[in-house]
């Protein structure tokens, strides 16, 4: 993780562009409470894994239902990294909460996400 006075480096992962924009807006709304640096966005779990391996990421905001590699599988891979990022699931489905926390999720947000 980052030092306390540095911005939190966040990767936003969702297959829907409007959902990614919404998460960006929510993070911007929280800027007075916490410094956040959005280091990237991804529309798939596979691309998210690639991005996390290319640059330092402290936290991943991760959708669950995505084509190809879903968020649960992506989280499983992220957790195997030498320095895994914190994972916060952001999804429209409450049915996956237990699985998410079994994968060491820090939080589980239901859409639409609000500050």
PDB file of N, CA and C in Angstrom:
ATOM      1  N   UNK A   1       0.828  -1.191   0.000  1.00  0.00           N
ATOM      2  CA  UNK A   1       0.000   0.000   0.000  1.00  0.00           C
ATOM      3  C   UNK A   1       0.866   1.247   0.000  1.00  0.00           C
ATOM      4  N   UNK A   2       0.280   2.287  -0.373  1.00  0.00           N
ATOM      5  CA  UNK A   2       0.923   3.595  -0.425  1.00  0.00           C
ATOM      6  C   UNK A   2       1.158   4.153   0.976  1.00  0.00           C
ATOM      7  N   UNK A   3       2.099   5.084   1.074  1.00  0.00           N
ATOM      8  CA  UNK A   3       2.281   5.824   2.325  1.00  0.00           C
ATOM      9  C   UNK A   3       1.020   6.648   2.580  1.00  0.00           C
ATOM     10  N   UNK A   4       0.682   6.932   3.839  1.00  0.00           N
ATOM     11  CA  UNK A   4      -0.580   7.603   4.162  1.00  0.00           C
ATOM     12  C   UNK A   4      -0.793   8.952   3.486  1.00  0.00           C
ATOM     13  N   UNK A   5       0.267   9.694   3.180  1.00  0.00           N
ATOM     14  CA  UNK A   5       0.075  11.030   2.616  1.00  0.00           C
ATOM     15  C   UNK A   5       0.062  11.039   1.085  1.00  0.00           C
ATOM     16  N   UNK A   6       0.242   9.899   0.453  1.00  0.00           N
ATOM     17  CA  UNK A   6       0.210   9.821  -1.002  1.00  0.00           C
ATOM     18  C   UNK A   6      -1.187   9.431  -1.475  1.00  0.00           C
ATOM     19  N   UNK A   7      -1.545   9.778  -2.699  1.00  0.00           N
ATOM     20  CA  UNK A   7      -2.867   9.387  -3.205  1.00  0.00           C
ATOM     21  C   UNK A   7      -3.009   7.865  -3.318  1.00  0.00           C
ATOM     22  N   UNK A   8      -4.217   7.405  -3.091  1.00  0.00           N
ATOM     23  CA  UNK A   8      -4.551   6.002  -3.274  1.00  0.00           C
ATOM     24  C   UNK A   8      -4.653   5.745  -4.773  1.00  0.00           C
ATOM     25  N   UNK A   9      -3.870   4.803  -5.278  1.00  0.00           N
ATOM     26  CA  UNK A   9      -3.857   4.487  -6.717  1.00  0.00           C
ATOM     27  C   UNK A   9      -4.931   3.443  -7.002  1.00  0.00           C
ATOM     28  N   UNK A  10      -5.933   3.847  -7.796  1.00  0.00           N
ATOM     29  CA  UNK A  10      -7.121   3.024  -8.016  1.00  0.00           C
ATOM     30  C   UNK A  10      -7.263   2.659  -9.490  1.00  0.00           C
ATOM     31  N   UNK A  11      -7.602   1.408  -9.734  1.00  0.00           N
ATOM     32  CA  UNK A  11      -7.960   0.918 -11.066  1.00  0.00           C
ATOM     33  C   UNK A  11      -9.455   0.616 -11.045  1.00  0.00           C
ATOM     34  N   UNK A  12     -10.193   1.150 -12.013  1.00  0.00           N
ATOM     35  CA  UNK A  12     -11.638   0.933 -12.118  1.00  0.00           C
ATOM     36  C   UNK A  12     -11.886  -0.115 -13.193  1.00  0.00           C
ATOM     37  N   UNK A  13     -12.602  -1.185 -12.832  1.00  0.00           N
ATOM     38  CA  UNK A  13     -12.847  -2.287 -13.765  1.00  0.00           C
ATOM     39  C   UNK A  13     -14.342  -2.570 -13.851  1.00  0.00           C
ATOM     40  N   UNK A  14     -14.909  -2.313 -15.021  1.00  0.00           N
ATOM     41  CA  UNK A  14     -16.327  -2.587 -15.285  1.00  0.00           C
ATOM     42  C   UNK A  14     -16.499  -2.653 -16.791  1.00  0.00           C
ATOM     43  N   UNK A  15     -17.287  -3.584 -17.271  1.00  0.00           N
ATOM     44  CA  UNK A  15     -17.464  -3.716 -18.719  1.00  0.00           C
ATOM     45  C   UNK A  15     -18.384  -2.645 -19.303  1.00  0.00           C
ATOM     46  N   UNK A  16     -19.026  -1.865 -18.450  1.00  0.00           N
ATOM     47  CA  UNK A  16     -19.926  -0.815 -18.924  1.00  0.00           C
ATOM     48  C   UNK A  16     -19.307   0.558 -18.665  1.00  0.00           C
ATOM     49  N   UNK A  17     -19.102   1.326 -19.740  1.00  0.00           N
ATOM     50  CA  UNK A  17     -18.496   2.653 -19.628  1.00  0.00           C
ATOM     51  C   UNK A  17     -19.263   3.591 -18.695  1.00  0.00           C
ATOM     52  N   UNK A  18     -20.602   3.615 -18.720  1.00  0.00           N
ATOM     53  CA  UNK A  18     -21.317   4.501 -17.781  1.00  0.00           C
ATOM     54  C   UNK A  18     -21.032   4.154 -16.311  1.00  0.00           C
ATOM     55  N   UNK A  19     -20.864   2.880 -16.010  1.00  0.00           N
ATOM     56  CA  UNK A  19     -20.552   2.476 -14.633  1.00  0.00           C
ATOM     57  C   UNK A  19     -19.153   2.956 -14.242  1.00  0.00           C
ATOM     58  N   UNK A  20     -18.202   2.885 -15.175  1.00  0.00           N
ATOM     59  CA  UNK A  20     -16.858   3.389 -14.888  1.00  0.00           C
ATOM     60  C   UNK A  20     -16.886   4.899 -14.653  1.00  0.00           C
ATOM     61  N   UNK A  21     -17.658   5.613 -15.469  1.00  0.00           N
ATOM     62  CA  UNK A  21     -17.782   7.068 -15.281  1.00  0.00           C
ATOM     63  C   UNK A  21     -18.401   7.387 -13.923  1.00  0.00           C
ATOM     64  N   UNK A  22     -19.398   6.619 -13.525  1.00  0.00           N
ATOM     65  CA  UNK A  22     -20.065   6.847 -12.233  1.00  0.00           C
ATOM     66  C   UNK A  22     -19.068   6.663 -11.089  1.00  0.00           C
ATOM     67  N   UNK A  23     -18.249   5.643 -11.166  1.00  0.00           N
ATOM     68  CA  UNK A  23     -17.254   5.422 -10.117  1.00  0.00           C
ATOM     69  C   UNK A  23     -16.232   6.558 -10.088  1.00  0.00           C
ATOM     70  N   UNK A  24     -15.836   7.045 -11.258  1.00  0.00           N
ATOM     71  CA  UNK A  24     -14.929   8.205 -11.322  1.00  0.00           C
ATOM     72  C   UNK A  24     -15.564   9.413 -10.622  1.00  0.00           C
ATOM     73  N   UNK A  25     -16.847   9.650 -10.901  1.00  0.00           N
ATOM     74  CA  UNK A  25     -17.561  10.774 -10.291  1.00  0.00           C
ATOM     75  C   UNK A  25     -17.642  10.628  -8.772  1.00  0.00           C
ATOM     76  N   UNK A  26     -17.932   9.435  -8.300  1.00  0.00           N
ATOM     77  CA  UNK A  26     -18.022   9.208  -6.849  1.00  0.00           C
ATOM     78  C   UNK A  26     -16.664   9.454  -6.191  1.00  0.00           C
ATOM     79  N   UNK A  27     -15.601   8.972  -6.826  1.00  0.00           N
ATOM     80  CA  UNK A  27     -14.264   9.199  -6.276  1.00  0.00           C
ATOM     81  C   UNK A  27     -13.930  10.690  -6.269  1.00  0.00           C
ATOM     82  N   UNK A  28     -14.334  11.400  -7.318  1.00  0.00           N
ATOM     83  CA  UNK A  28     -14.103  12.854  -7.368  1.00  0.00           C
ATOM     84  C   UNK A  28     -14.876  13.558  -6.253  1.00  0.00           C
ATOM     85  N   UNK A  29     -16.085  13.082  -5.958  1.00  0.00           N
ATOM     86  CA  UNK A  29     -16.889  13.663  -4.884  1.00  0.00           C
ATOM     87  C   UNK A  29     -16.232  13.474  -3.507  1.00  0.00           C
ATOM     88  N   UNK A  30     -15.387  12.479  -3.393  1.00  0.00           N
ATOM     89  CA  UNK A  30     -14.728  12.186  -2.113  1.00  0.00           C
ATOM     90  C   UNK A  30     -13.339  12.809  -2.014  1.00  0.00           C
ATOM     91  N   UNK A  31     -12.959  13.594  -3.001  1.00  0.00           N
ATOM     92  CA  UNK A  31     -11.593  14.131  -3.080  1.00  0.00           C
ATOM     93  C   UNK A  31     -11.201  14.960  -1.867  1.00  0.00           C
ATOM     94  N   UNK A  32     -12.160  15.619  -1.227  1.00  0.00           N
ATOM     95  CA  UNK A  32     -11.816  16.427  -0.058  1.00  0.00           C
ATOM     96  C   UNK A  32     -11.529  15.562   1.175  1.00  0.00           C
ATOM     97  N   UNK A  33     -11.926  14.297   1.139  1.00  0.00           N
ATOM     98  CA  UNK A  33     -11.711  13.397   2.261  1.00  0.00           C
ATOM     99  C   UNK A  33     -10.508  12.478   2.064  1.00  0.00           C
ATOM    100  N   UNK A  34     -10.176  12.204   0.786  1.00  0.00           N
ATOM    101  CA  UNK A  34      -9.103  11.268   0.499  1.00  0.00           C
ATOM    102  C   UNK A  34      -8.536  11.556  -0.882  1.00  0.00           C
ATOM    103  N   UNK A  35      -7.222  11.582  -0.975  1.00  0.00           N
ATOM    104  CA  UNK A  35      -6.580  11.776  -2.270  1.00  0.00           C
ATOM    105  C   UNK A  35      -6.607  10.467  -3.040  1.00  0.00           C
ATOM    106  N   UNK A  36      -7.120  10.528  -4.270  1.00  0.00           N
ATOM    107  CA  UNK A  36      -7.215   9.344  -5.114  1.00  0.00           C
ATOM    108  C   UNK A  36      -6.612   9.664  -6.470  1.00  0.00           C
ATOM    109  N   UNK A  37      -5.822   8.732  -6.972  1.00  0.00           N
ATOM    110  CA  UNK A  37      -5.266   8.829  -8.312  1.00  0.00           C
ATOM    111  C   UNK A  37      -5.804   7.644  -9.103  1.00  0.00           C
ATOM    112  N   UNK A  38      -6.686   7.904 -10.057  1.00  0.00           N
ATOM    113  CA  UNK A  38      -7.216   6.824 -10.892  1.00  0.00           C
ATOM    114  C   UNK A  38      -6.147   6.519 -11.933  1.00  0.00           C
ATOM    115  N   UNK A  39      -5.488   5.389 -11.755  1.00  0.00           N
ATOM    116  CA  UNK A  39      -4.348   5.035 -12.611  1.00  0.00           C
ATOM    117  C   UNK A  39      -4.768   4.353 -13.899  1.00  0.00           C
ATOM    118  N   UNK A  40      -6.046   3.976 -13.996  1.00  0.00           N
ATOM    119  CA  UNK A  40      -6.514   3.349 -15.217  1.00  0.00           C
ATOM    120  C   UNK A  40      -7.932   2.856 -15.091  1.00  0.00           C
ATOM    121  N   UNK A  41      -8.450   2.465 -16.237  1.00  0.00           N
ATOM    122  CA  UNK A  41      -9.773   1.859 -16.328  1.00  0.00           C
ATOM    123  C   UNK A  41      -9.655   0.631 -17.208  1.00  0.00           C
ATOM    124  N   UNK A  42     -10.538  -0.307 -16.977  1.00  0.00           N
ATOM    125  CA  UNK A  42     -10.544  -1.519 -17.767  1.00  0.00           C
ATOM    126  C   UNK A  42     -11.975  -2.002 -17.947  1.00  0.00           C
ATOM    127  N   UNK A  43     -12.229  -2.633 -19.077  1.00  0.00           N
ATOM    128  CA  UNK A  43     -13.537  -3.196 -19.353  1.00  0.00           C
ATOM    129  C   UNK A  43     -13.588  -4.703 -19.197  1.00  0.00           C
ATOM    130  N   UNK A  44     -12.471  -5.303 -18.748  1.00  0.00           N
ATOM    131  CA  UNK A  44     -12.462  -6.761 -18.605  1.00  0.00           C
ATOM    132  C   UNK A  44     -11.500  -7.193 -17.504  1.00  0.00           C
ATOM    133  N   UNK A  45     -11.741  -8.368 -16.975  1.00  0.00           N
ATOM    134  CA  UNK A  45     -10.878  -8.916 -15.940  1.00  0.00           C
ATOM    135  C   UNK A  45      -9.485  -9.201 -16.443  1.00  0.00           C
ATOM    136  N   UNK A  46      -9.376  -9.714 -17.653  1.00  0.00           N
ATOM    137  CA  UNK A  46      -8.070 -10.040 -18.218  1.00  0.00           C
ATOM    138  C   UNK A  46      -7.220  -8.788 -18.397  1.00  0.00           C
ATOM    139  N   UNK A  47      -7.837  -7.727 -18.918  1.00  0.00           N
ATOM    140  CA  UNK A  47      -7.106  -6.472 -19.084  1.00  0.00           C
ATOM    141  C   UNK A  47      -6.725  -5.884 -17.727  1.00  0.00           C
ATOM    142  N   UNK A  48      -7.587  -6.014 -16.754  1.00  0.00           N
ATOM    143  CA  UNK A  48      -7.286  -5.507 -15.407  1.00  0.00           C
ATOM    144  C   UNK A  48      -6.044  -6.184 -14.843  1.00  0.00           C
ATOM    145  N   UNK A  49      -5.941  -7.494 -15.013  1.00  0.00           N
ATOM    146  CA  UNK A  49      -4.756  -8.215 -14.540  1.00  0.00           C
ATOM    147  C   UNK A  49      -3.498  -7.686 -15.207  1.00  0.00           C
ATOM    148  N   UNK A  50      -3.581  -7.449 -16.489  1.00  0.00           N
ATOM    149  CA  UNK A  50      -2.445  -6.916 -17.232  1.00  0.00           C
ATOM    150  C   UNK A  50      -2.045  -5.540 -16.696  1.00  0.00           C
ATOM    151  N   UNK A  51      -3.035  -4.683 -16.472  1.00  0.00           N
ATOM    152  CA  UNK A  51      -2.731  -3.334 -15.982  1.00  0.00           C
ATOM    153  C   UNK A  51      -2.096  -3.356 -14.596  1.00  0.00           C
ATOM    154  N   UNK A  52      -2.599  -4.216 -13.728  1.00  0.00           N
ATOM    155  CA  UNK A  52      -2.056  -4.282 -12.361  1.00  0.00           C
ATOM    156  C   UNK A  52      -0.604  -4.767 -12.384  1.00  0.00           C
ATOM    157  N   UNK A  53      -0.265  -5.599 -13.345  1.00  0.00           N
ATOM    158  CA  UNK A  53       1.108  -6.094 -13.446  1.00  0.00           C
ATOM    159  C   UNK A  53       2.043  -5.064 -14.078  1.00  0.00           C
ATOM    160  N   UNK A  54       1.488  -4.034 -14.724  1.00  0.00           N
ATOM    161  CA  UNK A  54       2.308  -3.021 -15.395  1.00  0.00           C
ATOM    162  C   UNK A  54       2.575  -1.795 -14.547  1.00  0.00           C
ATOM    163  N   UNK A  55       1.759  -1.535 -13.540  1.00  0.00           N
ATOM    164  CA  UNK A  55       1.922  -0.316 -12.738  1.00  0.00           C
ATOM    165  C   UNK A  55       1.434  -0.589 -11.319  1.00  0.00           C
ATOM    166  N   UNK A  56       1.936   0.195 -10.364  1.00  0.00           N
ATOM    167  CA  UNK A  56       1.471   0.008  -8.982  1.00  0.00           C
ATOM    168  C   UNK A  56       0.004   0.406  -8.832  1.00  0.00           C
ATOM    169  N   UNK A  57      -0.765  -0.457  -8.193  1.00  0.00           N
ATOM    170  CA  UNK A  57      -2.181  -0.213  -7.924  1.00  0.00           C
ATOM    171  C   UNK A  57      -2.436  -0.593  -6.466  1.00  0.00           C
ATOM    172  N   UNK A  58      -3.049   0.333  -5.726  1.00  0.00           N
ATOM    173  CA  UNK A  58      -3.366   0.063  -4.325  1.00  0.00           C
ATOM    174  C   UNK A  58      -4.723  -0.595  -4.142  1.00  0.00           C
ATOM    175  N   UNK A  59      -5.675  -0.230  -5.020  1.00  0.00           N
ATOM    176  CA  UNK A  59      -7.039  -0.742  -4.890  1.00  0.00           C
ATOM    177  C   UNK A  59      -7.668  -0.911  -6.268  1.00  0.00           C
ATOM    178  N   UNK A  60      -8.505  -1.926  -6.381  1.00  0.00           N
ATOM    179  CA  UNK A  60      -9.244  -2.180  -7.615  1.00  0.00           C
ATOM    180  C   UNK A  60     -10.727  -2.136  -7.287  1.00  0.00           C
ATOM    181  N   UNK A  61     -11.461  -1.277  -8.001  1.00  0.00           N
ATOM    182  CA  UNK A  61     -12.923  -1.276  -7.932  1.00  0.00           C
ATOM    183  C   UNK A  61     -13.366  -2.215  -9.042  1.00  0.00           C
ATOM    184  N   UNK A  62     -13.974  -3.327  -8.681  1.00  0.00           N
ATOM    185  CA  UNK A  62     -14.139  -4.449  -9.591  1.00  0.00           C
ATOM    186  C   UNK A  62     -15.593  -4.892  -9.711  1.00  0.00           C
ATOM    187  N   UNK A  63     -16.106  -4.840 -10.936  1.00  0.00           N
ATOM    188  CA  UNK A  63     -17.432  -5.375 -11.229  1.00  0.00           C
ATOM    189  C   UNK A  63     -17.347  -6.897 -11.184  1.00  0.00           C
ATOM    190  N   UNK A  64     -18.455  -7.564 -10.993  1.00  0.00           N
ATOM    191  CA  UNK A  64     -18.441  -9.027 -10.955  1.00  0.00           C
ATOM    192  C   UNK A  64     -18.848  -9.616 -12.293  1.00  0.00           C
ATOM    193  N   UNK A  65     -20.000  -9.234 -12.790  1.00  0.00           N
ATOM    194  CA  UNK A  65     -20.488  -9.825 -14.037  1.00  0.00           C
ATOM    195  C   UNK A  65     -19.911  -9.095 -15.236  1.00  0.00           C
ATOM    196  N   UNK A  66     -18.912  -9.735 -15.855  1.00  0.00           N
ATOM    197  CA  UNK A  66     -18.291  -9.214 -17.063  1.00  0.00           C
ATOM    198  C   UNK A  66     -18.065 -10.387 -18.003  1.00  0.00           C
ATOM    199  N   UNK A  67     -18.099 -10.145 -19.310  1.00  0.00           N
ATOM    200  CA  UNK A  67     -17.838 -11.234 -20.248  1.00  0.00           C
ATOM    201  C   UNK A  67     -16.391 -11.710 -20.146  1.00  0.00           C
ATOM    202  N   UNK A  68     -16.181 -12.950 -20.497  1.00  0.00           N
ATOM    203  CA  UNK A  68     -14.832 -13.508 -20.394  1.00  0.00           C
ATOM    204  C   UNK A  68     -14.520 -13.816 -18.949  1.00  0.00           C
ATOM    205  N   UNK A  69     -13.462 -13.229 -18.435  1.00  0.00           N
ATOM    206  CA  UNK A  69     -13.089 -13.416 -17.033  1.00  0.00           C
ATOM    207  C   UNK A  69     -13.928 -12.499 -16.154  1.00  0.00           C
ATOM    208  N   UNK A  70     -14.748 -13.094 -15.290  1.00  0.00           N
ATOM    209  CA  UNK A  70     -15.576 -12.257 -14.415  1.00  0.00           C
ATOM    210  C   UNK A  70     -14.745 -11.716 -13.254  1.00  0.00           C
ATOM    211  N   UNK A  71     -15.359 -10.851 -12.472  1.00  0.00           N
ATOM    212  CA  UNK A  71     -14.648 -10.204 -11.383  1.00  0.00           C
ATOM    213  C   UNK A  71     -14.180 -11.147 -10.299  1.00  0.00           C
ATOM    214  N   UNK A  72     -14.931 -12.207 -10.037  1.00  0.00           N
ATOM    215  CA  UNK A  72     -14.520 -13.163  -9.004  1.00  0.00           C
ATOM    216  C   UNK A  72     -13.246 -13.892  -9.419  1.00  0.00           C
ATOM    217  N   UNK A  73     -13.189 -14.311 -10.672  1.00  0.00           N
ATOM    218  CA  UNK A  73     -11.980 -14.978 -11.168  1.00  0.00           C
ATOM    219  C   UNK A  73     -10.801 -14.002 -11.189  1.00  0.00           C
ATOM    220  N   UNK A  74     -11.068 -12.778 -11.609  1.00  0.00           N
ATOM    221  CA  UNK A  74     -10.024 -11.755 -11.627  1.00  0.00           C
ATOM    222  C   UNK A  74      -9.478 -11.538 -10.213  1.00  0.00           C
ATOM    223  N   UNK A  75     -10.355 -11.425  -9.242  1.00  0.00           N
ATOM    224  CA  UNK A  75      -9.927 -11.234  -7.848  1.00  0.00           C
ATOM    225  C   UNK A  75      -9.070 -12.395  -7.374  1.00  0.00           C
ATOM    226  N   UNK A  76      -9.436 -13.594  -7.763  1.00  0.00           N
ATOM    227  CA  UNK A  76      -8.655 -14.769  -7.385  1.00  0.00           C
ATOM    228  C   UNK A  76      -7.227 -14.661  -7.915  1.00  0.00           C
ATOM    229  N   UNK A  77      -7.086 -14.207  -9.151  1.00  0.00           N
ATOM    230  CA  UNK A  77      -5.750 -14.020  -9.739  1.00  0.00           C
ATOM    231  C   UNK A  77      -5.008 -12.867  -9.067  1.00  0.00           C
ATOM    232  N   UNK A  78      -5.707 -11.765  -8.815  1.00  0.00           N
ATOM    233  CA  UNK A  78      -5.084 -10.616  -8.159  1.00  0.00           C
ATOM    234  C   UNK A  78      -4.534 -10.992  -6.785  1.00  0.00           C
ATOM    235  N   UNK A  79      -5.261 -11.823  -6.072  1.00  0.00           N
ATOM    236  CA  UNK A  79      -4.844 -12.225  -4.732  1.00  0.00           C
ATOM    237  C   UNK A  79      -3.563 -13.053  -4.733  1.00  0.00           C
ATOM    238  N   UNK A  80      -3.191 -13.605  -5.875  1.00  0.00           N
ATOM    239  CA  UNK A  80      -1.975 -14.421  -5.971  1.00  0.00           C
ATOM    240  C   UNK A  80      -0.726 -13.586  -6.281  1.00  0.00           C
ATOM    241  N   UNK A  81      -0.917 -12.300  -6.549  1.00  0.00           N
ATOM    242  CA  UNK A  81       0.224 -11.437  -6.842  1.00  0.00           C
ATOM    243  C   UNK A  81       1.069 -11.238  -5.584  1.00  0.00           C
ATOM    244  N   UNK A  82       2.363 -10.952  -5.739  1.00  0.00           N
ATOM    245  CA  UNK A  82       3.217 -10.739  -4.565  1.00  0.00           C
ATOM    246  C   UNK A  82       2.719  -9.607  -3.658  1.00  0.00           C
ATOM    247  N   UNK A  83       2.193  -8.546  -4.254  1.00  0.00           N
ATOM    248  CA  UNK A  83       1.633  -7.428  -3.480  1.00  0.00           C
ATOM    249  C   UNK A  83       0.244  -7.129  -4.034  1.00  0.00           C
ATOM    250  N   UNK A  84      -0.743  -7.938  -3.650  1.00  0.00           N
ATOM    251  CA  UNK A  84      -2.077  -7.764  -4.233  1.00  0.00           C
ATOM    252  C   UNK A  84      -2.736  -6.451  -3.804  1.00  0.00           C
ATOM    253  N   UNK A  85      -3.475  -5.840  -4.723  1.00  0.00           N
ATOM    254  CA  UNK A  85      -4.210  -4.625  -4.353  1.00  0.00           C
ATOM    255  C   UNK A  85      -5.428  -4.978  -3.503  1.00  0.00           C
ATOM    256  N   UNK A  86      -5.934  -3.999  -2.789  1.00  0.00           N
ATOM    257  CA  UNK A  86      -7.203  -4.175  -2.080  1.00  0.00           C
ATOM    258  C   UNK A  86      -8.301  -4.272  -3.138  1.00  0.00           C
ATOM    259  N   UNK A  87      -9.271  -5.115  -2.902  1.00  0.00           N
ATOM    260  CA  UNK A  87     -10.348  -5.318  -3.871  1.00  0.00           C
ATOM    261  C   UNK A  87     -11.664  -4.863  -3.264  1.00  0.00           C
ATOM    262  N   UNK A  88     -12.339  -3.977  -3.993  1.00  0.00           N
ATOM    263  CA  UNK A  88     -13.677  -3.523  -3.622  1.00  0.00           C
ATOM    264  C   UNK A  88     -14.577  -3.883  -4.790  1.00  0.00           C
ATOM    265  N   UNK A  89     -15.514  -4.774  -4.548  1.00  0.00           N
ATOM    266  CA  UNK A  89     -16.452  -5.138  -5.606  1.00  0.00           C
ATOM    267  C   UNK A  89     -17.534  -4.077  -5.723  1.00  0.00           C
ATOM    268  N   UNK A  90     -17.913  -3.795  -6.948  1.00  0.00           N
ATOM    269  CA  UNK A  90     -18.983  -2.851  -7.258  1.00  0.00           C
ATOM    270  C   UNK A  90     -19.889  -3.542  -8.264  1.00  0.00           C
ATOM    271  N   UNK A  91     -21.067  -3.950  -7.817  1.00  0.00           N
ATOM    272  CA  UNK A  91     -21.921  -4.783  -8.654  1.00  0.00           C
ATOM    273  C   UNK A  91     -23.398  -4.509  -8.393  1.00  0.00           C
ATOM    274  N   UNK A  92     -24.217  -4.915  -9.326  1.00  0.00           N
ATOM    275  CA  UNK A  92     -25.664  -4.770  -9.169  1.00  0.00           C
ATOM    276  C   UNK A  92     -26.286  -5.990  -8.486  1.00  0.00           C
ATOM    277  N   UNK A  93     -25.477  -6.977  -8.170  1.00  0.00           N
ATOM    278  CA  UNK A  93     -25.988  -8.251  -7.658  1.00  0.00           C
ATOM    279  C   UNK A  93     -25.508  -8.514  -6.237  1.00  0.00           C
ATOM    280  N   UNK A  94     -26.444  -8.709  -5.328  1.00  0.00           N
ATOM    281  CA  UNK A  94     -26.061  -8.997  -3.948  1.00  0.00           C
ATOM    282  C   UNK A  94     -25.742 -10.471  -3.720  1.00  0.00           C
ATOM    283  N   UNK A  95     -26.048 -11.330  -4.669  1.00  0.00           N
ATOM    284  CA  UNK A  95     -25.899 -12.772  -4.509  1.00  0.00           C
ATOM    285  C   UNK A  95     -24.442 -13.233  -4.406  1.00  0.00           C
ATOM    286  N   UNK A  96     -23.491 -12.393  -4.765  1.00  0.00           N
ATOM    287  CA  UNK A  96     -22.088 -12.803  -4.786  1.00  0.00           C
ATOM    288  C   UNK A  96     -21.303 -12.316  -3.575  1.00  0.00           C
ATOM    289  N   UNK A  97     -21.960 -11.709  -2.625  1.00  0.00           N
ATOM    290  CA  UNK A  97     -21.255 -11.100  -1.492  1.00  0.00           C
ATOM    291  C   UNK A  97     -20.421 -12.110  -0.709  1.00  0.00           C
ATOM    292  N   UNK A  98     -20.957 -13.263  -0.418  1.00  0.00           N
ATOM    293  CA  UNK A  98     -20.200 -14.258   0.353  1.00  0.00           C
ATOM    294  C   UNK A  98     -18.950 -14.694  -0.403  1.00  0.00           C
ATOM    295  N   UNK A  99     -19.096 -14.949  -1.699  1.00  0.00           N
ATOM    296  CA  UNK A  99     -17.937 -15.328  -2.510  1.00  0.00           C
ATOM    297  C   UNK A  99     -16.910 -14.203  -2.531  1.00  0.00           C
ATOM    298  N   UNK A 100     -17.380 -12.983  -2.621  1.00  0.00           N
ATOM    299  CA  UNK A 100     -16.478 -11.836  -2.672  1.00  0.00           C
ATOM    300  C   UNK A 100     -15.648 -11.741  -1.397  1.00  0.00           C
ATOM    301  N   UNK A 101     -16.291 -11.880  -0.249  1.00  0.00           N
ATOM    302  CA  UNK A 101     -15.554 -11.783   1.004  1.00  0.00           C
ATOM    303  C   UNK A 101     -14.660 -12.996   1.234  1.00  0.00           C
ATOM    304  N   UNK A 102     -15.026 -14.151   0.662  1.00  0.00           N
ATOM    305  CA  UNK A 102     -14.133 -15.310   0.701  1.00  0.00           C
ATOM    306  C   UNK A 102     -12.845 -15.026  -0.067  1.00  0.00           C
ATOM    307  N   UNK A 103     -12.923 -14.109  -1.032  1.00  0.00           N
ATOM    308  CA  UNK A 103     -11.751 -13.707  -1.820  1.00  0.00           C
ATOM    309  C   UNK A 103     -11.053 -12.495  -1.212  1.00  0.00           C
ATOM    310  N   UNK A 104     -11.310 -12.241   0.055  1.00  0.00           N
ATOM    311  CA  UNK A 104     -10.663 -11.152   0.805  1.00  0.00           C
ATOM    312  C   UNK A 104     -11.033  -9.758   0.313  1.00  0.00           C
ATOM    313  N   UNK A 105     -12.242  -9.598  -0.168  1.00  0.00           N
ATOM    314  CA  UNK A 105     -12.698  -8.265  -0.564  1.00  0.00           C
ATOM    315  C   UNK A 105     -12.705  -7.343   0.647  1.00  0.00           C
ATOM    316  N   UNK A 106     -12.316  -6.093   0.421  1.00  0.00           N
ATOM    317  CA  UNK A 106     -12.340  -5.089   1.473  1.00  0.00           C
ATOM    318  C   UNK A 106     -13.758  -4.575   1.673  1.00  0.00           C
ATOM    319  N   UNK A 107     -14.515  -4.499   0.558  1.00  0.00           N
ATOM    320  CA  UNK A 107     -15.892  -4.023   0.635  1.00  0.00           C
ATOM    321  C   UNK A 107     -16.665  -4.555  -0.562  1.00  0.00           C
ATOM    322  N   UNK A 108     -17.988  -4.400  -0.496  1.00  0.00           N
ATOM    323  CA  UNK A 108     -18.885  -4.893  -1.521  1.00  0.00           C
ATOM    324  C   UNK A 108     -19.953  -3.833  -1.707  1.00  0.00           C
ATOM    325  N   UNK A 109     -19.878  -3.090  -2.796  1.00  0.00           N
ATOM    326  CA  UNK A 109     -20.793  -1.981  -3.050  1.00  0.00           C
ATOM    327  C   UNK A 109     -21.849  -2.389  -4.063  1.00  0.00           C
ATOM    328  N   UNK A 110     -23.096  -2.053  -3.763  1.00  0.00           N
ATOM    329  CA  UNK A 110     -24.175  -2.327  -4.708  1.00  0.00           C
ATOM    330  C   UNK A 110     -24.445  -1.088  -5.546  1.00  0.00           C
ATOM    331  N   UNK A 111     -24.595  -1.305  -6.848  1.00  0.00           N
ATOM    332  CA  UNK A 111     -24.904  -0.210  -7.780  1.00  0.00           C
ATOM    333  C   UNK A 111     -26.354   0.182  -7.619  1.00  0.00           C
ATOM    334  N   UNK A 112     -26.681   1.413  -7.775  1.00  0.00           N
ATOM    335  CA  UNK A 112     -25.805   2.526  -8.124  1.00  0.00           C
ATOM    336  C   UNK A 112     -25.004   2.979  -6.897  1.00  0.00           C
ATOM    337  N   UNK A 113     -23.705   3.129  -7.088  1.00  0.00           N
ATOM    338  CA  UNK A 113     -22.807   3.525  -6.002  1.00  0.00           C
ATOM    339  C   UNK A 113     -22.941   5.029  -5.757  1.00  0.00           C
ATOM    340  N   UNK A 114     -22.972   5.376  -4.480  1.00  0.00           N
ATOM    341  CA  UNK A 114     -23.030   6.778  -4.065  1.00  0.00           C
ATOM    342  C   UNK A 114     -21.955   7.035  -3.023  1.00  0.00           C
ATOM    343  N   UNK A 115     -21.543   8.280  -2.919  1.00  0.00           N
ATOM    344  CA  UNK A 115     -20.529   8.623  -1.907  1.00  0.00           C
ATOM    345  C   UNK A 115     -21.054   8.304  -0.517  1.00  0.00           C
TER     346      UNK A 115
END
